[in-house]
Amino acid sequence: MLSATGSGVGFIGPASLETVGGTSTGVTESVDLTVLTGATVSGSISVIVSGTPHSVTLSAGQTPDEVAAAIAGKLSSDGMTGYTVSNPSGAIVRFTSTTPNTDVPDLLVALN
């Protein structure tokens, strides 16, 4: 399960997200986080995953697709213990468990 929260002023207008998915036990769990707004000003946002902050630099005018790609790229390059992070298409950031066929602990994601 993924919980998403958002706050901020002027970064991505403020953060607007929605989550979809969270599959059941018996399959590899994954969840999609969809970025709903683009960047309105240049700056950095902090994407906190299970208590670990990751700084993502954004530029004014970036679309939701570009913001999602930046978030996924940063989290993927930093590495997420127990998960792979990808941007399969559009404004989606996908978290996929690296432990197949197991119910895994919840993952908390917050934006500041």
N, C-alpha and C. Protein backbone atom coordinates (compact mmCIF):
# COMPACT_ATOMS: atom_id res chain seq x y z
N MET A 1 0.85 -1.18 0.00
CA MET A 1 0.00 0.00 0.00
C MET A 1 0.88 1.23 0.00
N LEU A 2 0.49 2.23 -0.75
CA LEU A 2 1.23 3.48 -0.81
C LEU A 2 0.33 4.58 -0.32
N SER A 3 0.83 5.39 0.60
CA SER A 3 0.11 6.57 1.06
C SER A 3 0.84 7.78 0.51
N ALA A 4 0.13 8.69 -0.08
CA ALA A 4 0.77 9.89 -0.63
C ALA A 4 0.19 11.12 0.04
N THR A 5 1.08 12.02 0.44
CA THR A 5 0.64 13.30 0.98
C THR A 5 1.42 14.38 0.26
N GLY A 6 0.92 15.57 0.26
CA GLY A 6 1.63 16.64 -0.43
C GLY A 6 1.45 17.97 0.27
N SER A 7 2.47 18.81 0.16
CA SER A 7 2.37 20.17 0.66
C SER A 7 3.40 20.99 -0.09
N GLY A 8 3.29 22.30 0.02
CA GLY A 8 4.26 23.16 -0.64
C GLY A 8 3.58 24.35 -1.27
N VAL A 9 4.37 25.34 -1.57
CA VAL A 9 3.84 26.54 -2.20
C VAL A 9 4.68 26.84 -3.44
N GLY A 10 4.08 26.86 -4.60
CA GLY A 10 4.75 27.29 -5.80
C GLY A 10 5.68 26.28 -6.45
N PHE A 11 5.81 25.09 -5.91
CA PHE A 11 6.70 24.13 -6.55
C PHE A 11 5.97 23.42 -7.68
N ILE A 12 5.02 22.59 -7.34
CA ILE A 12 4.23 21.95 -8.39
C ILE A 12 2.76 22.24 -8.19
N GLY A 13 2.52 23.31 -7.51
CA GLY A 13 1.29 24.05 -7.54
C GLY A 13 0.11 23.84 -6.66
N PRO A 14 0.13 23.59 -5.40
CA PRO A 14 1.00 22.73 -4.59
C PRO A 14 0.90 21.29 -5.07
N ALA A 15 1.62 20.39 -4.47
CA ALA A 15 1.68 19.00 -4.95
C ALA A 15 0.29 18.41 -5.08
N SER A 16 0.02 17.85 -6.25
CA SER A 16 -1.24 17.18 -6.49
C SER A 16 -0.93 15.78 -7.00
N LEU A 17 -1.39 14.79 -6.28
CA LEU A 17 -1.08 13.41 -6.61
C LEU A 17 -2.31 12.56 -6.47
N GLU A 18 -2.29 11.41 -7.13
CA GLU A 18 -3.27 10.39 -6.83
C GLU A 18 -2.57 9.05 -6.94
N THR A 19 -3.02 8.09 -6.18
CA THR A 19 -2.44 6.77 -6.24
C THR A 19 -3.48 5.79 -6.75
N VAL A 20 -3.01 4.80 -7.48
CA VAL A 20 -3.87 3.77 -8.03
C VAL A 20 -3.15 2.46 -7.85
N GLY A 21 -3.88 1.44 -7.50
CA GLY A 21 -3.27 0.12 -7.45
C GLY A 21 -3.06 -0.35 -6.06
N GLY A 22 -1.98 -1.07 -5.90
CA GLY A 22 -1.79 -1.80 -4.67
C GLY A 22 -2.47 -3.14 -4.92
N THR A 23 -1.69 -4.09 -5.35
CA THR A 23 -2.26 -5.38 -5.71
C THR A 23 -2.31 -6.29 -4.50
N SER A 24 -3.00 -7.39 -4.61
CA SER A 24 -3.20 -8.28 -3.48
C SER A 24 -2.08 -9.30 -3.35
N THR A 25 -2.07 -9.99 -2.20
CA THR A 25 -1.10 -11.04 -1.95
C THR A 25 -1.19 -12.11 -3.03
N GLY A 26 -0.06 -12.70 -3.39
CA GLY A 26 -0.03 -13.75 -4.40
C GLY A 26 0.51 -13.27 -5.73
N VAL A 27 0.72 -11.97 -5.86
CA VAL A 27 1.33 -11.41 -7.07
C VAL A 27 2.35 -10.36 -6.63
N THR A 28 3.19 -9.94 -7.54
CA THR A 28 4.14 -8.89 -7.21
C THR A 28 3.39 -7.58 -7.03
N GLU A 29 3.55 -6.97 -5.87
CA GLU A 29 2.81 -5.74 -5.57
C GLU A 29 3.42 -4.54 -6.29
N SER A 30 2.55 -3.68 -6.79
CA SER A 30 2.98 -2.41 -7.37
C SER A 30 1.88 -1.39 -7.17
N VAL A 31 2.28 -0.13 -7.23
CA VAL A 31 1.31 0.95 -7.11
C VAL A 31 1.78 2.11 -7.98
N ASP A 32 0.85 2.82 -8.56
CA ASP A 32 1.15 3.98 -9.40
C ASP A 32 0.82 5.26 -8.65
N LEU A 33 1.72 6.22 -8.72
CA LEU A 33 1.50 7.57 -8.22
C LEU A 33 1.42 8.44 -9.47
N THR A 34 0.33 9.19 -9.63
CA THR A 34 0.16 10.03 -10.80
C THR A 34 0.30 11.50 -10.41
N VAL A 35 1.20 12.20 -11.07
CA VAL A 35 1.39 13.63 -10.84
C VAL A 35 0.31 14.37 -11.63
N LEU A 36 -0.47 15.20 -10.96
CA LEU A 36 -1.60 15.87 -11.58
C LEU A 36 -1.31 17.29 -12.03
N THR A 37 -0.24 17.91 -11.50
CA THR A 37 0.07 19.28 -11.89
C THR A 37 1.54 19.39 -12.24
N GLY A 38 1.88 20.35 -13.09
CA GLY A 38 3.26 20.58 -13.47
C GLY A 38 3.93 21.57 -12.54
N ALA A 39 5.19 21.89 -12.84
CA ALA A 39 5.96 22.84 -12.03
C ALA A 39 5.61 24.27 -12.46
N THR A 40 5.27 25.10 -11.48
CA THR A 40 4.94 26.49 -11.78
C THR A 40 6.13 27.42 -11.61
N VAL A 41 7.11 27.00 -10.81
CA VAL A 41 8.35 27.77 -10.61
C VAL A 41 9.51 26.79 -10.57
N SER A 42 10.71 27.30 -10.73
CA SER A 42 11.90 26.45 -10.61
C SER A 42 12.26 26.28 -9.15
N GLY A 43 12.77 25.12 -8.82
CA GLY A 43 13.18 24.85 -7.45
C GLY A 43 13.28 23.36 -7.22
N SER A 44 13.40 22.99 -5.97
CA SER A 44 13.51 21.58 -5.62
C SER A 44 12.34 21.18 -4.74
N ILE A 45 11.91 19.95 -4.93
CA ILE A 45 10.93 19.36 -4.03
C ILE A 45 11.61 18.21 -3.32
N SER A 46 11.15 17.93 -2.14
CA SER A 46 11.66 16.80 -1.37
C SER A 46 10.63 15.68 -1.47
N VAL A 47 11.05 14.56 -2.02
CA VAL A 47 10.21 13.38 -2.10
C VAL A 47 10.71 12.45 -1.00
N ILE A 48 9.89 12.25 0.01
CA ILE A 48 10.28 11.46 1.17
C ILE A 48 9.65 10.08 1.04
N VAL A 49 10.50 9.06 0.93
CA VAL A 49 10.03 7.69 0.78
C VAL A 49 10.44 6.92 2.03
N SER A 50 9.45 6.47 2.77
CA SER A 50 9.69 5.72 4.01
C SER A 50 10.71 6.41 4.90
N GLY A 51 10.57 7.73 5.03
CA GLY A 51 11.41 8.51 5.93
C GLY A 51 12.71 9.02 5.33
N THR A 52 13.06 8.61 4.12
CA THR A 52 14.30 9.05 3.48
C THR A 52 14.00 10.12 2.44
N PRO A 53 14.56 11.34 2.62
CA PRO A 53 14.28 12.41 1.66
C PRO A 53 15.16 12.30 0.41
N HIS A 54 14.57 12.66 -0.73
CA HIS A 54 15.27 12.70 -2.01
C HIS A 54 14.92 14.04 -2.66
N SER A 55 15.93 14.83 -2.98
CA SER A 55 15.71 16.15 -3.56
C SER A 55 15.63 16.05 -5.08
N VAL A 56 14.50 16.53 -5.63
CA VAL A 56 14.26 16.50 -7.07
C VAL A 56 14.18 17.94 -7.56
N THR A 57 15.06 18.29 -8.49
CA THR A 57 15.09 19.64 -9.04
C THR A 57 14.14 19.74 -10.22
N LEU A 58 13.29 20.77 -10.19
CA LEU A 58 12.32 21.00 -11.26
C LEU A 58 12.51 22.39 -11.84
N SER A 59 12.07 22.56 -13.07
CA SER A 59 12.12 23.86 -13.74
C SER A 59 10.71 24.35 -14.02
N ALA A 60 10.52 25.65 -13.94
CA ALA A 60 9.22 26.25 -14.24
C ALA A 60 8.76 25.79 -15.61
N GLY A 61 7.50 25.45 -15.71
CA GLY A 61 6.93 25.05 -16.99
C GLY A 61 6.97 23.56 -17.27
N GLN A 62 7.63 22.78 -16.40
CA GLN A 62 7.62 21.34 -16.63
C GLN A 62 6.20 20.80 -16.51
N THR A 63 5.85 19.91 -17.41
CA THR A 63 4.53 19.29 -17.42
C THR A 63 4.45 18.20 -16.36
N PRO A 64 3.24 17.73 -16.03
CA PRO A 64 3.13 16.60 -15.10
C PRO A 64 3.95 15.39 -15.56
N ASP A 65 3.99 15.13 -16.87
CA ASP A 65 4.79 14.02 -17.39
C ASP A 65 6.27 14.21 -17.07
N GLU A 66 6.75 15.44 -17.24
CA GLU A 66 8.16 15.72 -16.97
C GLU A 66 8.48 15.68 -15.48
N VAL A 67 7.55 16.13 -14.65
CA VAL A 67 7.74 16.07 -13.20
C VAL A 67 7.79 14.60 -12.76
N ALA A 68 6.89 13.77 -13.28
CA ALA A 68 6.89 12.35 -12.93
C ALA A 68 8.19 11.68 -13.37
N ALA A 69 8.66 12.02 -14.57
CA ALA A 69 9.92 11.44 -15.05
C ALA A 69 11.09 11.85 -14.17
N ALA A 70 11.09 13.11 -13.71
CA ALA A 70 12.16 13.59 -12.84
C ALA A 70 12.13 12.87 -11.49
N ILE A 71 10.93 12.70 -10.93
CA ILE A 71 10.79 12.00 -9.65
C ILE A 71 11.25 10.55 -9.80
N ALA A 72 10.74 9.86 -10.82
CA ALA A 72 11.10 8.46 -11.03
C ALA A 72 12.59 8.30 -11.28
N GLY A 73 13.16 9.20 -12.08
CA GLY A 73 14.60 9.13 -12.37
C GLY A 73 15.44 9.28 -11.11
N LYS A 74 15.08 10.25 -10.27
CA LYS A 74 15.83 10.49 -9.04
C LYS A 74 15.71 9.30 -8.09
N LEU A 75 14.48 8.82 -7.87
CA LEU A 75 14.29 7.70 -6.95
C LEU A 75 14.96 6.44 -7.47
N SER A 76 14.92 6.24 -8.77
CA SER A 76 15.56 5.07 -9.37
C SER A 76 17.08 5.14 -9.22
N SER A 77 17.65 6.32 -9.48
CA SER A 77 19.11 6.46 -9.37
C SER A 77 19.58 6.37 -7.92
N ASP A 78 18.76 6.87 -6.98
CA ASP A 78 19.11 6.78 -5.57
C ASP A 78 18.95 5.35 -5.05
N GLY A 79 18.03 4.60 -5.66
CA GLY A 79 17.77 3.23 -5.21
C GLY A 79 16.76 3.20 -4.07
N MET A 80 15.77 2.35 -4.20
CA MET A 80 14.75 2.18 -3.18
C MET A 80 14.83 0.74 -2.68
N THR A 81 15.18 0.57 -1.43
CA THR A 81 15.27 -0.77 -0.87
C THR A 81 13.92 -1.47 -0.97
N GLY A 82 13.91 -2.61 -1.64
CA GLY A 82 12.70 -3.41 -1.75
C GLY A 82 11.78 -3.04 -2.91
N TYR A 83 12.13 -1.98 -3.66
CA TYR A 83 11.27 -1.53 -4.75
C TYR A 83 12.11 -1.09 -5.95
N THR A 84 11.55 -1.24 -7.14
CA THR A 84 12.07 -0.54 -8.30
C THR A 84 11.12 0.61 -8.57
N VAL A 85 11.63 1.69 -9.12
CA VAL A 85 10.81 2.86 -9.42
C VAL A 85 10.99 3.16 -10.90
N SER A 86 9.88 3.36 -11.59
CA SER A 86 9.95 3.64 -13.03
C SER A 86 8.91 4.68 -13.43
N ASN A 87 9.05 5.16 -14.64
CA ASN A 87 8.10 6.09 -15.25
C ASN A 87 7.63 5.40 -16.53
N PRO A 88 6.65 4.47 -16.41
CA PRO A 88 6.27 3.66 -17.57
C PRO A 88 5.63 4.47 -18.69
N SER A 89 4.93 5.55 -18.35
CA SER A 89 4.33 6.42 -19.36
C SER A 89 3.74 7.64 -18.68
N GLY A 90 3.67 8.72 -19.43
CA GLY A 90 2.99 9.92 -18.96
C GLY A 90 3.43 10.39 -17.59
N ALA A 91 2.45 10.72 -16.77
CA ALA A 91 2.70 11.32 -15.46
C ALA A 91 2.74 10.28 -14.34
N ILE A 92 3.04 9.04 -14.68
CA ILE A 92 3.01 7.95 -13.70
C ILE A 92 4.39 7.67 -13.13
N VAL A 93 4.45 7.54 -11.80
CA VAL A 93 5.62 7.04 -11.11
C VAL A 93 5.19 5.69 -10.54
N ARG A 94 5.82 4.59 -10.98
CA ARG A 94 5.41 3.25 -10.55
C ARG A 94 6.43 2.66 -9.58
N PHE A 95 5.92 2.22 -8.43
CA PHE A 95 6.72 1.53 -7.43
C PHE A 95 6.37 0.04 -7.52
N THR A 96 7.35 -0.82 -7.75
CA THR A 96 7.12 -2.25 -7.87
C THR A 96 8.01 -2.98 -6.88
N SER A 97 7.40 -3.84 -6.07
CA SER A 97 8.16 -4.62 -5.09
C SER A 97 9.17 -5.52 -5.79
N THR A 98 10.34 -5.66 -5.19
CA THR A 98 11.35 -6.57 -5.72
C THR A 98 11.21 -7.96 -5.11
N THR A 99 10.20 -8.14 -4.26
CA THR A 99 9.93 -9.44 -3.64
C THR A 99 8.63 -9.97 -4.22
N PRO A 100 8.72 -10.86 -5.22
CA PRO A 100 7.50 -11.36 -5.87
C PRO A 100 6.68 -12.26 -4.95
N ASN A 101 5.39 -12.23 -5.19
CA ASN A 101 4.45 -13.15 -4.54
C ASN A 101 4.45 -13.07 -3.02
N THR A 102 4.68 -11.87 -2.48
CA THR A 102 4.70 -11.67 -1.04
C THR A 102 4.01 -10.36 -0.70
N ASP A 103 3.23 -10.37 0.37
CA ASP A 103 2.63 -9.15 0.87
C ASP A 103 3.74 -8.36 1.55
N VAL A 104 4.04 -7.17 1.07
CA VAL A 104 5.16 -6.39 1.58
C VAL A 104 4.66 -5.26 2.49
N PRO A 105 5.56 -4.73 3.36
CA PRO A 105 5.15 -3.62 4.22
C PRO A 105 4.70 -2.41 3.41
N ASP A 106 3.85 -1.59 4.01
CA ASP A 106 3.38 -0.37 3.36
C ASP A 106 4.55 0.56 3.06
N LEU A 107 4.40 1.35 2.01
CA LEU A 107 5.40 2.32 1.59
C LEU A 107 4.76 3.70 1.72
N LEU A 108 5.42 4.59 2.45
CA LEU A 108 4.90 5.95 2.65
C LEU A 108 5.70 6.92 1.79
N VAL A 109 4.98 7.69 0.96
CA VAL A 109 5.63 8.69 0.10
C VAL A 109 4.99 10.04 0.40
N ALA A 110 5.83 11.06 0.63
CA ALA A 110 5.33 12.41 0.89
C ALA A 110 6.13 13.39 0.05
N LEU A 111 5.50 14.48 -0.36
CA LEU A 111 6.18 15.55 -1.09
C LEU A 111 6.14 16.82 -0.26
N ASN A 112 7.25 17.51 -0.21
CA ASN A 112 7.33 18.80 0.47
C ASN A 112 8.04 19.78 -0.42
